[in-house]
Amino acid sequence: MRGVVAVAEPGFVPLLVRFATLAVQALSEAREEIDSLNVYPVPDGDTGTNLLLTFESGSQALRDLVSDSGGPEVAGPEAASAAYARGLLLGARGNSGVIMSELAGAMLGHLARADQAGHDRDVVCVLAEAMTLATEAGYAAVGRPVEGTMLSVARAASDQARRTAGQPATRVSRVLETAAEAAREALARTPEQLEVLRRAGVVDAGGLGLCLVLEAATAACTGRRQLPSTDRLPRRQPRPPGPPVSHDAGQDEVEGPGSPAYEVMYLLDAGEEVIPRLRETLQALGDSLVVVGGHGLWNVHVHVDDVGAAVEAGIAAGRPHRVRITHLADHVAAGARAPRRAGHSGRGVVVVSSGPGLTEVFGQAGAAVVEASVSSRPSTGELLEAIRATGAAEAIVVTNDRDVVPAAEAAARLAESDHGVRVAVVPTAAQVQGLAAVAVHDPDRPFEHDLVEMTAAARHARTGAVTIAARRAITTAGECQPGDVLGAVEGDFVVVGEDQFTVAVEVIERLLGGGGELVTVVAGEGGGELARRCAAHLAHSHPGVDVAVHDGGQQRYPVLFGVE
């Protein structure tokens, strides 16, 4: 692997996809343990959860890009790196998630820039440089860097990467292996660097998360089928004499008397020139300041007493959005106790919608709606927030997209374990199946009965669609060219034609070949006239079938069909 930058190597995007998958797997398996180690900067027991949600968001963004591009070999390294880094930035949660998004984003950014420049350079040197720049970016992003945290672990890893890269005939896998080993050793030293960790008898939670991410990178590079055993990673240390620090400890025991009462996070649209002033303003207001991002989009995290002033600082700098405010004392208390359903009642339904009209229809049916598009699917964090926002003790998530099911199931597990909300997923693959499921929802039924009825209604709804071919391909109905009209039944392209209405009629007839009492027609963006012609055809050719027409506004599909 000499003489070419790593990202120029064939297979970089599949490698990045594999790493993204392994990182989520590792953090998912260790989430509860990382949460239990979390005593700094606030003992709120959510570092593992925040890291998982951050990396899940990055992985989802990367999968969306690869899917829209037509496969990992089609998506370019620069586009894939940018999509993954942006996904991490948008999904970053908590102090740990924001810092980690900067570390990963800075590293990928350097690799992408090196590839674009086309320099004939040693891969291992470029990788070591990228890790070093990532560490420097991590330190620069934090208002007051503290040793004994994931920053210390990152520095140890990048320093070792540089030393290994300087050795003759060194492979990329060797750089990553030795960096991961150095990170493990640095993690074991964190209690010596940070008193609150020593008193609690734990290593740094964020540092452990970074070690797992480095292990995932090593596994992806070496092609191991499974992640290496993490039993060798240090977790807990012997506690010294004296009062322990735990999740039951108040925040003042960790950060000292007079610690800020609120965590404020928001995304900020702003130019790079205003960020130094923003950092200065926010640093004067509180602590635990982290500002990461670039290219006009920033993720801001700070602990303050004056929430209004923190948000106003963002307004002065640009456009803050996705503002999240958490009362730290309540959050610490929540992390200290087992999940309860106190204060929750009833049953909510969360539905993923892919068009403004569908969003309105689902909303009128009483569902909490999470919007999606052909290029952006909801993350686990977004679904979890929607579940929590229902305020219900029970919730049912209707996915309407096969690719959303893993994120929905992860959100369901988190809602149950962390918030005491009972959640089930109805894994619908199409919007019309979601309409059928929501139509039979009855919150007065027992939870299991309601779930069975909704699932059965979705499964009994046969689905069809009309779309336009974007590229040359081979389908069940034969070869198609860009611009051809495609008709799909149950997700399989079975008609290729030139006229949308002709193809739509063929799809309708195939769907009704197995019988049916109700046909739902959902008009897409610009598909209103086509939907009306389809409804008229049904009224004329199948007068005994009921027809319901909705203005869905979905992209890519001029019309969708559901038959029940």
Protein backbone atom coordinates (compact mmCIF):
# COMPACT_ATOMS: atom_id res chain seq x y z
CA MET A 1 0.00 0.00 0.00
CA ARG A 2 2.79 2.40 -0.87
CA GLY A 3 2.55 5.39 -3.15
CA VAL A 4 -1.16 6.20 -2.86
CA VAL A 5 -3.37 7.85 -0.27
CA ALA A 6 -5.65 5.48 1.63
CA VAL A 7 -8.90 6.96 0.37
CA ALA A 8 -7.81 6.46 -3.22
CA GLU A 9 -7.56 2.71 -2.70
CA PRO A 10 -10.35 0.66 -4.32
CA GLY A 11 -12.80 -0.37 -1.65
CA PHE A 12 -12.42 2.63 0.67
CA VAL A 13 -16.17 3.26 0.83
CA PRO A 14 -17.00 -0.40 1.64
CA LEU A 15 -14.27 -0.17 4.30
CA LEU A 16 -15.86 2.95 5.77
CA VAL A 17 -19.30 1.30 5.71
CA ARG A 18 -17.87 -1.72 7.54
CA PHE A 19 -16.22 0.49 10.14
CA ALA A 20 -19.43 2.46 10.67
CA THR A 21 -21.34 -0.78 11.22
CA LEU A 22 -18.75 -2.24 13.61
CA ALA A 23 -18.53 1.00 15.62
CA VAL A 24 -22.29 1.00 16.17
CA GLN A 25 -22.17 -2.69 17.09
CA ALA A 26 -19.39 -2.18 19.64
CA LEU A 27 -21.02 0.87 21.23
CA SER A 28 -24.40 -0.83 21.32
CA GLU A 29 -22.99 -3.84 23.17
CA ALA A 30 -21.09 -1.64 25.66
CA ARG A 31 -23.67 1.14 26.01
CA GLU A 32 -24.96 0.23 29.46
CA GLU A 33 -21.47 -0.32 30.84
CA ILE A 34 -20.19 2.99 29.48
CA ASP A 35 -23.24 4.70 30.98
CA SER A 36 -22.40 3.16 34.34
CA LEU A 37 -18.85 4.59 34.23
CA ASN A 38 -20.05 8.12 33.50
CA VAL A 39 -19.11 10.42 36.39
CA TYR A 40 -17.43 13.30 34.52
CA PRO A 41 -18.22 16.07 33.75
CA VAL A 42 -21.72 15.26 35.08
CA PRO A 43 -22.70 11.87 36.60
CA ASP A 44 -25.80 11.58 34.42
CA GLY A 45 -25.15 8.05 33.15
CA ASP A 46 -25.68 8.75 29.45
CA THR A 47 -22.23 8.79 27.80
CA GLY A 48 -22.69 5.34 26.25
CA THR A 49 -26.14 6.26 24.98
CA ASN A 50 -24.90 9.56 23.54
CA LEU A 51 -21.99 7.90 21.74
CA LEU A 52 -24.25 5.19 20.32
CA LEU A 53 -26.76 7.72 19.02
CA THR A 54 -23.98 9.85 17.53
CA PHE A 55 -22.41 6.98 15.60
CA GLU A 56 -25.77 5.55 14.61
CA SER A 57 -26.59 8.90 13.01
CA GLY A 58 -23.31 8.86 11.07
CA SER A 59 -23.87 5.28 9.95
CA GLN A 60 -27.39 6.06 8.77
CA ALA A 61 -26.20 9.08 6.77
CA LEU A 62 -23.55 6.93 5.10
CA ARG A 63 -26.03 4.16 4.29
CA ASP A 64 -28.41 6.71 2.76
CA LEU A 65 -25.65 8.10 0.53
CA VAL A 66 -24.55 4.63 -0.59
CA SER A 67 -28.15 3.63 -1.31
CA ASP A 68 -28.88 6.79 -3.30
CA SER A 69 -25.60 6.45 -5.22
CA GLY A 70 -26.34 2.91 -6.31
CA GLY A 71 -23.81 1.08 -4.14
CA PRO A 72 -20.58 1.52 -2.17
CA GLU A 73 -18.40 1.28 -5.25
CA VAL A 74 -20.30 4.14 -6.93
CA ALA A 75 -20.23 6.56 -4.00
CA GLY A 76 -16.96 8.50 -4.05
CA PRO A 77 -14.58 8.53 -1.07
CA GLU A 78 -14.87 12.29 -0.61
CA ALA A 79 -18.68 12.24 -0.70
CA ALA A 80 -18.83 9.23 1.63
CA SER A 81 -16.44 10.83 4.14
CA ALA A 82 -18.39 14.08 4.08
CA ALA A 83 -21.75 12.33 4.50
CA TYR A 84 -20.52 10.26 7.44
CA ALA A 85 -18.91 13.25 9.15
CA ARG A 86 -22.03 15.37 8.66
CA GLY A 87 -24.19 12.57 10.05
CA LEU A 88 -22.01 12.42 13.15
CA LEU A 89 -22.19 16.21 13.53
CA LEU A 90 -25.97 16.37 13.16
CA GLY A 91 -26.55 13.45 15.50
CA ALA A 92 -23.91 14.34 18.12
CA ARG A 93 -25.34 14.27 21.63
CA GLY A 94 -23.79 15.27 24.91
CA ASN A 95 -20.24 16.38 25.59
CA SER A 96 -18.80 13.02 24.54
CA GLY A 97 -20.75 12.73 21.29
CA VAL A 98 -19.85 16.25 20.18
CA ILE A 99 -16.12 15.74 20.84
CA MET A 100 -16.15 12.34 19.13
CA SER A 101 -17.87 13.80 16.06
CA GLU A 102 -15.05 16.35 15.80
CA LEU A 103 -12.35 13.69 16.15
CA ALA A 104 -13.86 11.50 13.43
CA GLY A 105 -14.82 14.39 11.18
CA ALA A 106 -11.38 16.00 11.30
CA MET A 107 -9.67 12.71 10.52
CA LEU A 108 -11.93 11.91 7.58
CA GLY A 109 -11.63 15.47 6.31
CA HIS A 110 -7.84 15.21 6.13
CA LEU A 111 -8.01 11.87 4.33
CA ALA A 112 -10.48 13.28 1.80
CA ARG A 113 -8.38 16.40 1.18
CA ALA A 114 -5.23 14.31 0.73
CA ASP A 115 -7.01 12.14 -1.82
CA GLN A 116 -8.32 15.17 -3.71
CA ALA A 117 -4.82 16.67 -3.87
CA GLY A 118 -3.59 13.45 -5.47
CA HIS A 119 -0.21 13.45 -3.74
CA ASP A 120 1.93 10.36 -4.18
CA ARG A 121 2.45 9.76 -0.50
CA ASP A 122 2.80 6.90 1.92
CA VAL A 123 -0.59 5.76 3.19
CA VAL A 124 0.57 5.21 6.75
CA CYS A 125 1.99 8.72 6.97
CA VAL A 126 -1.25 10.25 5.77
CA LEU A 127 -3.21 8.14 8.28
CA ALA A 128 -0.91 9.18 11.14
CA GLU A 129 -1.24 12.82 10.10
CA ALA A 130 -5.01 12.48 10.03
CA MET A 131 -5.10 11.05 13.55
CA THR A 132 -2.82 13.81 14.81
CA LEU A 133 -4.92 16.55 13.24
CA ALA A 134 -8.04 14.93 14.69
CA THR A 135 -6.56 15.08 18.18
CA GLU A 136 -5.56 18.71 17.72
CA ALA A 137 -9.06 19.54 16.49
CA GLY A 138 -10.57 17.80 19.51
CA TYR A 139 -8.49 19.84 21.93
CA ALA A 140 -9.24 23.05 20.01
CA ALA A 141 -12.98 22.39 20.13
CA VAL A 142 -13.11 22.17 23.92
CA GLY A 143 -13.23 25.41 25.91
CA ARG A 144 -11.06 24.10 28.76
CA PRO A 145 -9.47 20.75 27.85
CA VAL A 146 -9.08 18.35 30.79
CA GLU A 147 -6.58 15.49 30.94
CA GLY A 148 -7.92 12.11 31.96
CA THR A 149 -10.68 12.23 29.36
CA MET A 150 -11.12 10.94 25.82
CA LEU A 151 -8.81 13.76 24.69
CA SER A 152 -5.92 12.15 26.58
CA VAL A 153 -6.79 8.80 25.03
CA ALA A 154 -6.91 10.37 21.56
CA ARG A 155 -3.51 12.02 22.04
CA ALA A 156 -1.90 8.74 23.12
CA ALA A 157 -3.34 6.98 20.07
CA SER A 158 -2.22 9.63 17.57
CA ASP A 159 1.26 9.92 19.11
CA GLN A 160 1.71 6.17 18.77
CA ALA A 161 0.36 6.26 15.21
CA ARG A 162 3.09 8.75 14.27
CA ARG A 163 5.80 6.61 15.86
CA THR A 164 4.59 3.46 14.12
CA ALA A 165 4.25 5.22 10.77
CA GLY A 166 7.92 6.20 11.00
CA GLN A 167 9.01 2.57 11.09
CA PRO A 168 10.04 0.85 7.82
CA ALA A 169 7.60 -1.38 5.92
CA THR A 170 4.71 -0.52 8.24
CA ARG A 171 1.18 -1.49 7.22
CA VAL A 172 -1.95 0.57 7.86
CA SER A 173 -3.34 -2.23 10.01
CA ARG A 174 -0.22 -2.06 12.19
CA VAL A 175 -0.67 1.69 12.68
CA LEU A 176 -4.24 1.15 13.84
CA GLU A 177 -3.35 -1.83 16.06
CA THR A 178 -0.60 0.02 17.90
CA ALA A 179 -2.74 3.16 18.20
CA ALA A 180 -5.55 1.11 19.74
CA GLU A 181 -3.08 -0.48 22.17
CA ALA A 182 -1.77 2.93 23.20
CA ALA A 183 -5.34 4.11 23.69
CA ARG A 184 -6.05 1.19 26.03
CA GLU A 185 -2.97 2.03 28.09
CA ALA A 186 -3.97 5.70 28.23
CA LEU A 187 -7.48 4.72 29.32
CA ALA A 188 -6.04 2.78 32.25
CA ARG A 189 -4.17 5.93 33.32
CA THR A 190 -7.21 8.24 33.31
CA PRO A 191 -7.95 7.74 37.05
CA GLU A 192 -4.42 8.97 37.77
CA GLN A 193 -5.11 12.17 35.82
CA LEU A 194 -8.62 13.02 37.01
CA GLU A 195 -9.45 12.95 40.72
CA VAL A 196 -13.16 12.36 40.25
CA LEU A 197 -12.40 9.14 38.35
CA ARG A 198 -9.95 7.97 41.01
CA ARG A 199 -12.52 8.56 43.76
CA ALA A 200 -15.21 6.70 41.84
CA GLY A 201 -12.88 3.82 40.96
CA VAL A 202 -13.62 4.04 37.23
CA VAL A 203 -11.87 4.90 33.99
CA ASP A 204 -13.18 7.68 31.77
CA ALA A 205 -16.43 6.67 30.05
CA GLY A 206 -15.75 8.67 26.87
CA GLY A 207 -12.22 7.28 26.72
CA LEU A 208 -13.60 3.75 26.79
CA GLY A 209 -15.93 4.67 23.94
CA LEU A 210 -12.99 5.98 21.90
CA CYS A 211 -11.05 2.74 22.52
CA LEU A 212 -14.00 0.73 21.19
CA VAL A 213 -14.17 2.93 18.09
CA LEU A 214 -10.45 2.40 17.45
CA GLU A 215 -10.94 -1.34 17.88
CA ALA A 216 -13.74 -1.16 15.30
CA ALA A 217 -11.43 0.67 12.87
CA THR A 218 -8.76 -1.99 13.35
CA ALA A 219 -11.26 -4.79 12.80
CA ALA A 220 -12.59 -3.13 9.65
CA CYS A 221 -9.08 -2.68 8.23
CA THR A 222 -7.87 -6.20 9.02
CA GLY A 223 -11.08 -7.81 7.74
CA ARG A 224 -11.83 -9.64 10.96
CA ARG A 225 -15.29 -11.14 10.92
CA GLN A 226 -15.94 -10.01 14.48
CA LEU A 227 -14.68 -7.29 16.74
CA PRO A 228 -11.70 -8.31 18.88
CA SER A 229 -12.43 -9.18 22.47
CA THR A 230 -12.63 -6.06 24.58
CA ASP A 231 -12.12 -7.90 27.87
CA ARG A 232 -8.59 -6.45 27.97
CA LEU A 233 -9.93 -2.90 28.01
CA PRO A 234 -9.71 -1.45 31.53
CA ARG A 235 -13.07 -0.62 33.05
CA ARG A 236 -12.95 -0.11 36.78
CA GLN A 237 -10.13 0.63 39.20
CA PRO A 238 -9.82 -0.06 42.95
CA ARG A 239 -11.51 2.72 44.89
CA PRO A 240 -9.35 4.68 47.30
CA PRO A 241 -10.50 5.21 50.89
CA GLY A 242 -13.08 7.94 51.35
CA PRO A 243 -16.56 8.72 50.13
CA PRO A 244 -17.25 7.29 46.67
CA VAL A 245 -18.51 9.26 43.69
CA SER A 246 -21.48 7.67 41.98
CA HIS A 247 -24.61 8.50 40.07
CA ASP A 248 -26.19 9.34 43.41
CA ALA A 249 -23.66 12.09 43.92
CA GLY A 250 -24.77 15.63 43.31
CA GLN A 251 -23.26 17.58 40.46
CA ASP A 252 -21.41 19.85 42.86
CA GLU A 253 -19.30 16.89 44.00
CA VAL A 254 -18.07 16.49 40.45
CA GLU A 255 -17.69 20.02 39.16
CA GLY A 256 -17.52 21.86 42.44
CA PRO A 257 -19.85 24.28 44.18
CA GLY A 258 -21.80 26.60 41.96
CA SER A 259 -21.67 24.35 38.90
CA PRO A 260 -24.01 25.35 36.06
CA ALA A 261 -27.56 24.04 36.25
CA TYR A 262 -28.35 23.48 32.57
CA GLU A 263 -26.91 21.74 29.52
CA VAL A 264 -27.62 23.69 26.32
CA MET A 265 -27.08 22.18 22.88
CA TYR A 266 -27.98 23.45 19.45
CA LEU A 267 -26.98 23.31 15.82
CA LEU A 268 -25.82 26.64 14.43
CA ASP A 269 -25.75 27.92 10.87
CA ALA A 270 -22.95 30.48 10.88
CA GLY A 271 -19.72 31.49 9.19
CA GLU A 272 -16.38 30.42 10.60
CA GLU A 273 -15.36 34.03 11.31
CA VAL A 274 -17.93 34.41 14.14
CA ILE A 275 -17.01 31.22 16.00
CA PRO A 276 -14.07 32.61 18.06
CA ARG A 277 -16.33 35.33 19.46
CA LEU A 278 -19.06 32.79 20.17
CA ARG A 279 -16.60 30.57 22.06
CA GLU A 280 -15.46 33.55 24.12
CA THR A 281 -19.03 34.54 24.98
CA LEU A 282 -20.14 31.04 25.93
CA GLN A 283 -16.98 30.32 27.92
CA ALA A 284 -17.75 33.36 30.08
CA LEU A 285 -21.25 32.01 30.72
CA GLY A 286 -20.37 28.50 31.92
CA ASP A 287 -18.20 25.46 31.32
CA SER A 288 -18.01 22.10 29.46
CA LEU A 289 -17.95 24.17 26.26
CA VAL A 290 -17.52 22.31 22.98
CA VAL A 291 -18.05 23.86 19.55
CA VAL A 292 -17.40 21.64 16.54
CA GLY A 293 -18.20 21.68 12.84
CA GLY A 294 -17.35 23.76 9.80
CA HIS A 295 -18.56 24.73 6.32
CA GLY A 296 -21.36 26.81 7.83
CA LEU A 297 -22.76 24.21 10.26
CA TRP A 298 -21.73 23.88 13.93
CA ASN A 299 -22.75 21.79 16.92
CA VAL A 300 -22.65 23.78 20.16
CA HIS A 301 -22.61 22.28 23.67
CA VAL A 302 -22.24 24.18 26.96
CA HIS A 303 -23.27 24.00 30.62
CA VAL A 304 -24.68 27.30 31.90
CA ASP A 305 -27.03 28.86 34.43
CA ASP A 306 -28.36 31.49 32.02
CA VAL A 307 -30.04 29.47 29.26
CA GLY A 308 -31.36 32.58 27.53
CA ALA A 309 -27.92 34.14 27.25
CA ALA A 310 -26.48 30.94 25.74
CA VAL A 311 -29.18 30.82 23.08
CA GLU A 312 -28.93 34.57 22.43
CA ALA A 313 -25.20 34.14 21.81
CA GLY A 314 -26.11 31.68 19.08
CA ILE A 315 -28.64 34.10 17.60
CA ALA A 316 -26.00 36.83 17.53
CA ALA A 317 -23.64 34.48 15.67
CA GLY A 318 -26.10 32.97 13.19
CA ARG A 319 -29.18 30.75 13.16
CA PRO A 320 -29.47 28.27 16.04
CA HIS A 321 -31.86 25.34 15.57
CA ARG A 322 -32.59 21.96 17.15
CA VAL A 323 -32.13 23.62 20.54
CA ARG A 324 -32.06 21.12 23.45
CA ILE A 325 -32.03 22.22 27.08
CA THR A 326 -31.56 19.78 29.95
CA HIS A 327 -31.74 20.52 33.66
CA LEU A 328 -28.63 18.73 34.86
CA ALA A 329 -29.80 18.00 38.40
CA ASP A 330 -32.90 16.24 37.06
CA HIS A 331 -30.78 14.42 34.47
CA VAL A 332 -28.33 13.22 37.12
CA ALA A 333 -31.20 12.00 39.27
CA ALA A 334 -32.73 10.20 36.29
CA GLY A 335 -29.44 8.43 35.63
CA ALA A 336 -29.28 7.26 39.23
CA ARG A 337 -32.54 5.38 39.37
CA ALA A 338 -34.11 2.55 37.47
CA PRO A 339 -36.44 3.58 34.68
CA ARG A 340 -40.00 4.22 35.80
CA ARG A 341 -43.25 4.94 34.07
CA ALA A 342 -44.28 7.54 36.61
CA GLY A 343 -45.96 10.46 34.91
CA HIS A 344 -46.49 8.49 31.70
CA SER A 345 -49.91 7.28 30.64
CA GLY A 346 -51.77 6.08 27.60
CA ARG A 347 -50.40 4.79 24.32
CA GLY A 348 -48.80 6.77 21.54
CA VAL A 349 -48.09 5.97 17.91
CA VAL A 350 -44.97 7.23 16.10
CA VAL A 351 -45.03 7.08 12.31
CA VAL A 352 -42.30 7.77 9.74
CA SER A 353 -43.74 9.85 6.89
CA SER A 354 -42.14 10.59 3.52
CA GLY A 355 -44.29 13.48 2.28
CA PRO A 356 -46.04 16.58 3.62
CA GLY A 357 -49.50 15.29 2.70
CA LEU A 358 -48.85 11.96 4.38
CA THR A 359 -47.55 13.81 7.42
CA GLU A 360 -50.87 15.64 7.64
CA VAL A 361 -52.87 12.43 7.24
CA PHE A 362 -50.93 10.60 9.93
CA GLY A 363 -51.11 13.63 12.20
CA GLN A 364 -54.89 13.85 11.82
CA ALA A 365 -55.04 10.21 12.88
CA GLY A 366 -53.36 11.17 16.15
CA ALA A 367 -49.87 9.88 15.40
CA ALA A 368 -46.61 11.62 16.23
CA VAL A 369 -44.86 12.01 12.89
CA VAL A 370 -41.14 11.83 12.11
CA GLU A 371 -40.51 13.14 8.61
CA ALA A 372 -38.17 11.45 6.15
CA SER A 373 -37.19 11.82 2.51
CA VAL A 374 -35.55 9.74 -0.19
CA SER A 375 -32.15 11.05 0.91
CA SER A 376 -32.62 11.28 4.67
CA ARG A 377 -34.05 8.69 7.00
CA PRO A 378 -34.62 9.31 10.72
CA SER A 379 -31.92 8.27 13.16
CA THR A 380 -32.36 6.32 16.36
CA GLY A 381 -32.06 9.57 18.31
CA GLU A 382 -34.83 11.27 16.35
CA LEU A 383 -37.15 8.29 16.82
CA LEU A 384 -36.31 8.10 20.53
CA GLU A 385 -37.13 11.79 20.96
CA ALA A 386 -40.46 11.28 19.17
CA ILE A 387 -41.30 8.35 21.45
CA ARG A 388 -40.48 10.39 24.54
CA ALA A 389 -42.41 13.39 23.23
CA THR A 390 -45.63 11.36 23.19
CA GLY A 391 -45.50 11.31 27.01
CA ALA A 392 -47.04 7.85 26.84
CA ALA A 393 -46.31 4.77 28.91
CA GLU A 394 -46.63 2.66 25.77
CA ALA A 395 -45.79 3.42 22.15
CA ILE A 396 -45.97 1.71 18.78
CA VAL A 397 -43.55 2.77 16.03
CA VAL A 398 -44.65 2.35 12.40
CA THR A 399 -41.57 2.47 10.16
CA ASN A 400 -42.95 2.62 6.56
CA ASP A 401 -39.46 1.80 5.27
CA ARG A 402 -37.44 -1.41 5.67
CA ASP A 403 -34.25 0.61 6.18
CA VAL A 404 -35.77 2.42 9.16
CA VAL A 405 -36.54 -0.80 11.07
CA PRO A 406 -33.06 -1.20 12.72
CA ALA A 407 -33.10 2.41 13.97
CA ALA A 408 -36.67 1.98 15.24
CA GLU A 409 -35.80 -1.21 17.10
CA ALA A 410 -32.77 0.46 18.68
CA ALA A 411 -34.93 3.42 19.75
CA ALA A 412 -37.47 1.01 21.23
CA ARG A 413 -34.78 -0.70 23.33
CA LEU A 414 -33.44 2.64 24.56
CA ALA A 415 -36.91 3.94 25.41
CA GLU A 416 -37.65 0.80 27.41
CA SER A 417 -34.33 0.54 29.27
CA ASP A 418 -33.68 4.24 29.92
CA HIS A 419 -37.15 5.76 30.15
CA GLY A 420 -39.46 2.92 31.13
CA VAL A 421 -41.64 3.27 28.04
CA ARG A 422 -42.98 0.04 26.58
CA VAL A 423 -42.38 0.14 22.82
CA ALA A 424 -43.08 -2.19 19.91
CA VAL A 425 -42.25 -1.78 16.23
CA VAL A 426 -44.61 -2.49 13.33
CA PRO A 427 -42.06 -3.02 10.52
CA THR A 428 -44.06 -1.65 7.60
CA ALA A 429 -42.17 -1.32 4.33
CA ALA A 430 -44.43 1.21 2.58
CA GLN A 431 -46.46 4.30 3.40
CA VAL A 432 -49.74 2.65 2.40
CA GLN A 433 -49.07 -0.16 4.87
CA GLY A 434 -48.59 2.49 7.53
CA LEU A 435 -51.95 4.02 6.62
CA ALA A 436 -53.59 0.62 7.03
CA ALA A 437 -51.91 0.04 10.40
CA VAL A 438 -52.80 3.45 11.83
CA ALA A 439 -56.40 3.10 10.62
CA VAL A 440 -57.03 0.15 12.98
CA HIS A 441 -55.10 1.51 15.97
CA ASP A 442 -57.22 1.52 19.14
CA PRO A 443 -55.56 2.79 22.36
CA ASP A 444 -58.36 1.27 24.45
CA ARG A 445 -57.36 -2.27 23.48
CA PRO A 446 -54.69 -4.18 25.42
CA PHE A 447 -51.20 -3.37 24.11
CA GLU A 448 -50.56 -6.82 22.60
CA HIS A 449 -53.99 -6.89 20.93
CA ASP A 450 -53.49 -3.46 19.39
CA LEU A 451 -50.05 -4.45 18.13
CA VAL A 452 -51.38 -7.65 16.53
CA GLU A 453 -54.24 -5.81 14.81
CA MET A 454 -51.96 -3.09 13.44
CA THR A 455 -49.38 -5.61 12.23
CA ALA A 456 -52.04 -7.77 10.60
CA ALA A 457 -53.61 -4.79 8.83
CA ALA A 458 -50.23 -3.77 7.46
CA ARG A 459 -49.40 -7.26 6.25
CA HIS A 460 -52.76 -7.66 4.52
CA ALA A 461 -52.23 -4.45 2.55
CA ARG A 462 -50.75 -5.25 -0.86
CA THR A 463 -48.64 -2.41 -2.19
CA GLY A 464 -47.83 -0.93 -5.57
CA ALA A 465 -46.14 2.15 -6.99
CA VAL A 466 -45.18 4.01 -10.14
CA THR A 467 -41.78 5.63 -10.50
CA ILE A 468 -39.29 6.78 -13.14
CA ALA A 469 -36.08 4.87 -13.85
CA ALA A 470 -32.97 6.86 -12.94
CA ARG A 471 -30.46 4.52 -14.56
CA ARG A 472 -30.18 1.56 -16.89
CA ALA A 473 -30.99 -1.67 -15.07
CA ILE A 474 -32.36 -5.18 -15.43
CA THR A 475 -35.74 -5.72 -13.74
CA THR A 476 -38.17 -8.62 -13.46
CA ALA A 477 -40.01 -7.08 -16.41
CA GLY A 478 -36.85 -6.74 -18.48
CA GLU A 479 -34.30 -4.03 -19.18
CA CYS A 480 -35.13 -0.38 -18.43
CA GLN A 481 -33.46 2.83 -19.53
CA PRO A 482 -33.29 6.20 -17.74
CA GLY A 483 -36.67 7.91 -18.07
CA ASP A 484 -38.69 4.71 -18.46
CA VAL A 485 -41.81 4.38 -16.32
CA LEU A 486 -41.62 1.50 -13.84
CA GLY A 487 -44.51 -0.20 -12.11
CA ALA A 488 -43.81 -2.00 -8.82
CA VAL A 489 -45.88 -4.61 -6.97
CA GLU A 490 -44.78 -5.56 -3.45
CA GLY A 491 -41.43 -3.88 -4.04
CA ASP A 492 -40.65 -5.74 -7.28
CA PHE A 493 -40.57 -3.90 -10.62
CA VAL A 494 -42.96 -5.88 -12.82
CA VAL A 495 -43.89 -3.35 -15.53
CA VAL A 496 -41.70 -1.23 -17.81
CA GLY A 497 -43.45 1.31 -20.04
CA GLU A 498 -43.49 4.81 -21.46
CA ASP A 499 -46.78 6.23 -20.14
CA GLN A 500 -47.41 6.71 -16.41
CA PHE A 501 -51.17 6.12 -16.57
CA THR A 502 -50.83 2.95 -18.66
CA VAL A 503 -48.28 1.54 -16.24
CA ALA A 504 -50.41 2.60 -13.23
CA VAL A 505 -53.44 0.75 -14.62
CA GLU A 506 -51.35 -2.39 -15.09
CA VAL A 507 -50.19 -2.17 -11.47
CA ILE A 508 -53.78 -1.69 -10.25
CA GLU A 509 -55.03 -4.72 -12.18
CA ARG A 510 -52.24 -6.91 -10.83
CA LEU A 511 -52.96 -5.81 -7.28
CA LEU A 512 -56.70 -6.48 -7.62
CA GLY A 513 -56.05 -9.86 -9.23
CA GLY A 514 -55.97 -11.30 -5.73
CA GLY A 515 -59.18 -9.53 -4.72
CA GLY A 516 -59.67 -6.46 -2.59
CA GLU A 517 -62.31 -4.26 -1.00
CA LEU A 518 -60.45 -0.94 -0.62
CA VAL A 519 -57.85 0.69 -2.84
CA THR A 520 -55.85 3.58 -1.40
CA VAL A 521 -54.30 5.93 -3.95
CA VAL A 522 -51.59 8.32 -2.70
CA ALA A 523 -50.59 11.12 -5.07
CA GLY A 524 -46.94 12.06 -5.04
CA GLU A 525 -45.23 15.33 -5.82
CA GLY A 526 -46.78 16.47 -9.12
CA GLY A 527 -48.91 13.33 -9.34
CA GLY A 528 -52.34 14.77 -8.56
CA GLU A 529 -53.77 14.37 -12.08
CA LEU A 530 -52.41 10.83 -12.37
CA ALA A 531 -54.05 9.89 -9.06
CA ARG A 532 -57.39 11.31 -10.18
CA ARG A 533 -57.25 9.34 -13.45
CA CYS A 534 -56.45 6.18 -11.50
CA ALA A 535 -59.43 6.77 -9.19
CA ALA A 536 -61.70 7.29 -12.21
CA HIS A 537 -60.43 4.06 -13.77
CA LEU A 538 -61.22 2.17 -10.58
CA ALA A 539 -64.71 3.64 -10.37
CA HIS A 540 -65.41 2.54 -13.94
CA SER A 541 -63.68 -0.87 -14.02
CA HIS A 542 -64.19 -1.96 -10.38
CA PRO A 543 -67.41 -0.30 -9.14
CA GLY A 544 -67.64 -2.64 -6.15
CA VAL A 545 -64.27 -1.52 -4.74
CA ASP A 546 -64.05 1.45 -2.40
CA VAL A 547 -61.41 4.04 -3.32
CA ALA A 548 -59.62 6.50 -1.00
CA VAL A 549 -57.38 9.19 -2.50
CA HIS A 550 -54.76 11.10 -0.47
CA ASP A 551 -52.39 13.89 -1.49
CA GLY A 552 -49.17 12.46 -0.09
CA GLY A 553 -46.61 14.77 -1.67
CA GLN A 554 -43.91 12.07 -1.59
CA GLN A 555 -40.87 12.39 -3.83
CA ARG A 556 -39.78 9.95 -6.54
CA TYR A 557 -43.14 8.10 -6.69
CA PRO A 558 -45.90 9.94 -8.64
CA VAL A 559 -48.45 7.53 -7.19
CA LEU A 560 -48.60 4.82 -4.55
CA PHE A 561 -51.27 2.11 -4.20
CA GLY A 562 -52.51 0.00 -1.33
CA VAL A 563 -55.12 -2.76 -1.59
CA GLU A 564 -56.89 -4.20 1.43
